[in-house]
PDB file of all heavy atoms in Angstrom:
ATOM      1  N   ALA A   1       0.807  -1.222   0.000  1.00  0.00           N
ATOM      2  CA  ALA A   1       0.000   0.000   0.000  1.00  0.00           C
ATOM      3  C   ALA A   1       0.839   1.271   0.000  1.00  0.00           C
ATOM      4  O   ALA A   1       0.311   2.361   0.198  1.00  0.00           O
ATOM      5  CB  ALA A   1      -0.923  -0.012   1.217  1.00  0.00           C
ATOM      6  N   THR A   2       2.120   1.169  -0.207  1.00  0.00           N
ATOM      7  CA  THR A   2       3.015   2.321  -0.116  1.00  0.00           C
ATOM      8  C   THR A   2       3.473   2.788  -1.487  1.00  0.00           C
ATOM      9  O   THR A   2       4.025   2.008  -2.272  1.00  0.00           O
ATOM     10  CB  THR A   2       4.257   1.982   0.734  1.00  0.00           C
ATOM     11  OG1 THR A   2       3.830   1.669   2.063  1.00  0.00           O
ATOM     12  CG2 THR A   2       5.223   3.148   0.800  1.00  0.00           C
ATOM     13  N   ALA A   3       3.233   4.077  -1.764  1.00  0.00           N
ATOM     14  CA  ALA A   3       3.791   4.726  -2.945  1.00  0.00           C
ATOM     15  C   ALA A   3       5.119   5.386  -2.553  1.00  0.00           C
ATOM     16  O   ALA A   3       5.406   5.577  -1.360  1.00  0.00           O
ATOM     17  CB  ALA A   3       2.817   5.773  -3.481  1.00  0.00           C
ATOM     18  N   ARG A   4       5.901   5.739  -3.555  1.00  0.00           N
ATOM     19  CA  ARG A   4       7.213   6.337  -3.281  1.00  0.00           C
ATOM     20  C   ARG A   4       7.358   7.620  -4.095  1.00  0.00           C
ATOM     21  O   ARG A   4       7.176   7.610  -5.315  1.00  0.00           O
ATOM     22  CB  ARG A   4       8.340   5.359  -3.648  1.00  0.00           C
ATOM     23  CG  ARG A   4       8.339   4.103  -2.777  1.00  0.00           C
ATOM     24  CD  ARG A   4       9.306   3.055  -3.294  1.00  0.00           C
ATOM     25  NE  ARG A   4       9.279   1.872  -2.444  1.00  0.00           N
ATOM     26  CZ  ARG A   4      10.105   1.642  -1.433  1.00  0.00           C
ATOM     27  NH1 ARG A   4      11.056   2.525  -1.159  1.00  0.00           N
ATOM     28  NH2 ARG A   4      10.013   0.555  -0.699  1.00  0.00           N
ATOM     29  N   LEU A   5       7.717   8.690  -3.394  1.00  0.00           N
ATOM     30  CA  LEU A   5       8.016   9.953  -4.056  1.00  0.00           C
ATOM     31  C   LEU A   5       9.527  10.147  -4.037  1.00  0.00           C
ATOM     32  O   LEU A   5      10.133  10.376  -2.992  1.00  0.00           O
ATOM     33  CB  LEU A   5       7.331  11.129  -3.347  1.00  0.00           C
ATOM     34  CG  LEU A   5       7.661  12.516  -3.922  1.00  0.00           C
ATOM     35  CD1 LEU A   5       7.154  12.650  -5.360  1.00  0.00           C
ATOM     36  CD2 LEU A   5       7.099  13.627  -3.041  1.00  0.00           C
ATOM     37  N   ARG A   6      10.112  10.029  -5.203  1.00  0.00           N
ATOM     38  CA  ARG A   6      11.569  10.139  -5.317  1.00  0.00           C
ATOM     39  C   ARG A   6      11.936  11.552  -5.753  1.00  0.00           C
ATOM     40  O   ARG A   6      11.419  12.052  -6.756  1.00  0.00           O
ATOM     41  CB  ARG A   6      12.087   9.129  -6.337  1.00  0.00           C
ATOM     42  CG  ARG A   6      13.599   9.024  -6.402  1.00  0.00           C
ATOM     43  CD  ARG A   6      14.011   8.045  -7.466  1.00  0.00           C
ATOM     44  NE  ARG A   6      15.447   7.848  -7.513  1.00  0.00           N
ATOM     45  CZ  ARG A   6      16.118   7.515  -8.597  1.00  0.00           C
ATOM     46  NH1 ARG A   6      15.462   7.333  -9.737  1.00  0.00           N
ATOM     47  NH2 ARG A   6      17.426   7.348  -8.560  1.00  0.00           N
ATOM     48  N   VAL A   7      12.826  12.163  -4.993  1.00  0.00           N
ATOM     49  CA  VAL A   7      13.258  13.534  -5.277  1.00  0.00           C
ATOM     50  C   VAL A   7      14.750  13.504  -5.585  1.00  0.00           C
ATOM     51  O   VAL A   7      15.557  13.096  -4.745  1.00  0.00           O
ATOM     52  CB  VAL A   7      12.987  14.469  -4.084  1.00  0.00           C
ATOM     53  CG1 VAL A   7      13.287  15.918  -4.473  1.00  0.00           C
ATOM     54  CG2 VAL A   7      11.550  14.322  -3.595  1.00  0.00           C
ATOM     55  N   VAL A   8      15.114  13.924  -6.781  1.00  0.00           N
ATOM     56  CA  VAL A   8      16.515  13.916  -7.207  1.00  0.00           C
ATOM     57  C   VAL A   8      16.950  15.353  -7.487  1.00  0.00           C
ATOM     58  O   VAL A   8      16.287  16.081  -8.239  1.00  0.00           O
ATOM     59  CB  VAL A   8      16.717  13.062  -8.472  1.00  0.00           C
ATOM     60  CG1 VAL A   8      18.166  13.110  -8.924  1.00  0.00           C
ATOM     61  CG2 VAL A   8      16.288  11.619  -8.204  1.00  0.00           C
ATOM     62  N   ALA A   9      18.067  15.752  -6.867  1.00  0.00           N
ATOM     63  CA  ALA A   9      18.605  17.098  -7.045  1.00  0.00           C
ATOM     64  C   ALA A   9      19.997  17.019  -7.649  1.00  0.00           C
ATOM     65  O   ALA A   9      20.805  16.176  -7.247  1.00  0.00           O
ATOM     66  CB  ALA A   9      18.653  17.825  -5.705  1.00  0.00           C
ATOM     67  N   ARG A  10      20.272  17.929  -8.600  1.00  0.00           N
ATOM     68  CA  ARG A  10      21.589  17.997  -9.238  1.00  0.00           C
ATOM     69  C   ARG A  10      22.073  19.440  -9.247  1.00  0.00           C
ATOM     70  O   ARG A  10      21.285  20.367  -9.472  1.00  0.00           O
ATOM     71  CB  ARG A  10      21.543  17.468 -10.670  1.00  0.00           C
ATOM     72  CG  ARG A  10      21.245  15.983 -10.793  1.00  0.00           C
ATOM     73  CD  ARG A  10      21.258  15.561 -12.256  1.00  0.00           C
ATOM     74  NE  ARG A  10      21.195  14.126 -12.413  1.00  0.00           N
ATOM     75  CZ  ARG A  10      20.062  13.424 -12.487  1.00  0.00           C
ATOM     76  NH1 ARG A  10      18.894  14.040 -12.404  1.00  0.00           N
ATOM     77  NH2 ARG A  10      20.105  12.117 -12.631  1.00  0.00           N
ATOM     78  N   ASP A  11      23.393  19.599  -9.047  1.00  0.00           N
ATOM     79  CA  ASP A  11      23.962  20.937  -9.066  1.00  0.00           C
ATOM     80  C   ASP A  11      25.479  20.817  -9.237  1.00  0.00           C
ATOM     81  O   ASP A  11      26.071  19.785  -8.877  1.00  0.00           O
ATOM     82  CB  ASP A  11      23.637  21.687  -7.768  1.00  0.00           C
ATOM     83  CG  ASP A  11      23.800  23.195  -7.913  1.00  0.00           C
ATOM     84  OD1 ASP A  11      24.939  23.692  -7.782  1.00  0.00           O
ATOM     85  OD2 ASP A  11      22.780  23.873  -8.153  1.00  0.00           O
ATOM     86  N   HIS A  12      26.109  21.877  -9.739  1.00  0.00           N
ATOM     87  CA  HIS A  12      27.562  21.869  -9.875  1.00  0.00           C
ATOM     88  C   HIS A  12      28.258  22.053  -8.540  1.00  0.00           C
ATOM     89  O   HIS A  12      29.437  21.752  -8.395  1.00  0.00           O
ATOM     90  CB  HIS A  12      28.005  22.967 -10.839  1.00  0.00           C
ATOM     91  CG  HIS A  12      27.812  24.353 -10.298  1.00  0.00           C
ATOM     92  ND1 HIS A  12      26.580  24.993 -10.286  1.00  0.00           N
ATOM     93  CD2 HIS A  12      28.695  25.215  -9.721  1.00  0.00           C
ATOM     94  CE1 HIS A  12      26.718  26.184  -9.742  1.00  0.00           C
ATOM     95  NE2 HIS A  12      27.971  26.353  -9.381  1.00  0.00           N
ATOM     96  N   ASP A  13      27.519  22.567  -7.533  1.00  0.00           N
ATOM     97  CA  ASP A  13      28.076  22.818  -6.203  1.00  0.00           C
ATOM     98  C   ASP A  13      27.631  21.707  -5.253  1.00  0.00           C
ATOM     99  O   ASP A  13      26.432  21.574  -4.980  1.00  0.00           O
ATOM    100  CB  ASP A  13      27.600  24.176  -5.686  1.00  0.00           C
ATOM    101  CG  ASP A  13      28.232  24.561  -4.354  1.00  0.00           C
ATOM    102  OD1 ASP A  13      28.888  23.690  -3.732  1.00  0.00           O
ATOM    103  OD2 ASP A  13      28.056  25.715  -3.926  1.00  0.00           O
ATOM    104  N   PRO A  14      28.555  20.901  -4.730  1.00  0.00           N
ATOM    105  CA  PRO A  14      28.136  19.808  -3.845  1.00  0.00           C
ATOM    106  C   PRO A  14      27.452  20.280  -2.574  1.00  0.00           C
ATOM    107  O   PRO A  14      26.636  19.550  -1.999  1.00  0.00           O
ATOM    108  CB  PRO A  14      29.460  19.085  -3.526  1.00  0.00           C
ATOM    109  CG  PRO A  14      30.527  20.087  -3.782  1.00  0.00           C
ATOM    110  CD  PRO A  14      30.027  20.947  -4.891  1.00  0.00           C
ATOM    111  N   ALA A  15      27.726  21.508  -2.128  1.00  0.00           N
ATOM    112  CA  ALA A  15      27.095  22.013  -0.910  1.00  0.00           C
ATOM    113  C   ALA A  15      25.594  22.222  -1.112  1.00  0.00           C
ATOM    114  O   ALA A  15      24.798  22.025  -0.185  1.00  0.00           O
ATOM    115  CB  ALA A  15      27.756  23.324  -0.485  1.00  0.00           C
ATOM    116  N   VAL A  16      25.190  22.597  -2.325  1.00  0.00           N
ATOM    117  CA  VAL A  16      23.775  22.855  -2.593  1.00  0.00           C
ATOM    118  C   VAL A  16      22.955  21.571  -2.498  1.00  0.00           C
ATOM    119  O   VAL A  16      21.802  21.588  -2.043  1.00  0.00           O
ATOM    120  CB  VAL A  16      23.613  23.511  -3.984  1.00  0.00           C
ATOM    121  CG1 VAL A  16      22.137  23.610  -4.380  1.00  0.00           C
ATOM    122  CG2 VAL A  16      24.258  24.884  -3.996  1.00  0.00           C
ATOM    123  N   VAL A  17      23.536  20.453  -2.905  1.00  0.00           N
ATOM    124  CA  VAL A  17      22.801  19.179  -2.883  1.00  0.00           C
ATOM    125  C   VAL A  17      23.430  18.218  -1.880  1.00  0.00           C
ATOM    126  O   VAL A  17      23.320  17.006  -2.017  1.00  0.00           O
ATOM    127  CB  VAL A  17      22.751  18.550  -4.293  1.00  0.00           C
ATOM    128  CG1 VAL A  17      21.891  19.377  -5.213  1.00  0.00           C
ATOM    129  CG2 VAL A  17      24.155  18.389  -4.873  1.00  0.00           C
ATOM    130  N   GLY A  18      24.048  18.758  -0.858  1.00  0.00           N
ATOM    131  CA  GLY A  18      24.690  17.937   0.158  1.00  0.00           C
ATOM    132  C   GLY A  18      23.732  17.545   1.267  1.00  0.00           C
ATOM    133  O   GLY A  18      22.511  17.415   1.070  1.00  0.00           O
ATOM    134  N   ARG A  19      24.287  17.397   2.454  1.00  0.00           N
ATOM    135  CA  ARG A  19      23.492  16.930   3.598  1.00  0.00           C
ATOM    136  C   ARG A  19      22.313  17.854   3.896  1.00  0.00           C
ATOM    137  O   ARG A  19      21.265  17.415   4.364  1.00  0.00           O
ATOM    138  CB  ARG A  19      24.402  16.792   4.813  1.00  0.00           C
ATOM    139  CG  ARG A  19      23.777  16.051   5.989  1.00  0.00           C
ATOM    140  CD  ARG A  19      24.813  15.781   7.053  1.00  0.00           C
ATOM    141  NE  ARG A  19      25.805  14.829   6.586  1.00  0.00           N
ATOM    142  CZ  ARG A  19      25.676  13.501   6.684  1.00  0.00           C
ATOM    143  NH1 ARG A  19      24.578  12.981   7.232  1.00  0.00           N
ATOM    144  NH2 ARG A  19      26.621  12.711   6.247  1.00  0.00           N
ATOM    145  N   SER A  20      22.479  19.139   3.620  1.00  0.00           N
ATOM    146  CA  SER A  20      21.392  20.092   3.907  1.00  0.00           C
ATOM    147  C   SER A  20      20.162  19.804   3.058  1.00  0.00           C
ATOM    148  O   SER A  20      19.031  20.099   3.466  1.00  0.00           O
ATOM    149  CB  SER A  20      21.869  21.520   3.662  1.00  0.00           C
ATOM    150  OG  SER A  20      22.248  21.705   2.297  1.00  0.00           O
ATOM    151  N   PHE A  21      20.354  19.235   1.874  1.00  0.00           N
ATOM    152  CA  PHE A  21      19.221  18.874   1.018  1.00  0.00           C
ATOM    153  C   PHE A  21      18.368  17.805   1.703  1.00  0.00           C
ATOM    154  O   PHE A  21      17.139  17.923   1.788  1.00  0.00           O
ATOM    155  CB  PHE A  21      19.741  18.388  -0.327  1.00  0.00           C
ATOM    156  CG  PHE A  21      18.722  17.692  -1.177  1.00  0.00           C
ATOM    157  CD1 PHE A  21      17.709  18.400  -1.798  1.00  0.00           C
ATOM    158  CD2 PHE A  21      18.771  16.311  -1.353  1.00  0.00           C
ATOM    159  CE1 PHE A  21      16.760  17.749  -2.577  1.00  0.00           C
ATOM    160  CE2 PHE A  21      17.837  15.662  -2.137  1.00  0.00           C
ATOM    161  CZ  PHE A  21      16.825  16.377  -2.753  1.00  0.00           C
ATOM    162  N   GLY A  22      19.002  16.744   2.204  1.00  0.00           N
ATOM    163  CA  GLY A  22      18.256  15.719   2.926  1.00  0.00           C
ATOM    164  C   GLY A  22      17.670  16.243   4.225  1.00  0.00           C
ATOM    165  O   GLY A  22      16.572  15.838   4.632  1.00  0.00           O
ATOM    166  N   ALA A  23      18.396  17.149   4.878  1.00  0.00           N
ATOM    167  CA  ALA A  23      17.896  17.707   6.138  1.00  0.00           C
ATOM    168  C   ALA A  23      16.612  18.488   5.917  1.00  0.00           C
ATOM    169  O   ALA A  23      15.720  18.501   6.783  1.00  0.00           O
ATOM    170  CB  ALA A  23      18.962  18.598   6.765  1.00  0.00           C
ATOM    171  N   ALA A  24      16.467  19.137   4.743  1.00  0.00           N
ATOM    172  CA  ALA A  24      15.241  19.870   4.443  1.00  0.00           C
ATOM    173  C   ALA A  24      14.036  18.934   4.422  1.00  0.00           C
ATOM    174  O   ALA A  24      12.926  19.308   4.842  1.00  0.00           O
ATOM    175  CB  ALA A  24      15.387  20.587   3.106  1.00  0.00           C
ATOM    176  N   ALA A  25      14.246  17.705   3.939  1.00  0.00           N
ATOM    177  CA  ALA A  25      13.156  16.729   3.945  1.00  0.00           C
ATOM    178  C   ALA A  25      12.836  16.266   5.362  1.00  0.00           C
ATOM    179  O   ALA A  25      11.657  16.145   5.746  1.00  0.00           O
ATOM    180  CB  ALA A  25      13.528  15.534   3.070  1.00  0.00           C
TER     181      ALA A  25
END
C-alpha cells in the first residue's frame, strides 16, 4: 500500500545538494 516519491537534485556545487538537502526533507 506504499507509494514512493523520489526527489533527485543535481547541481555543480556539492554544498547545494549535500546533507542540507536531505535535512530539508
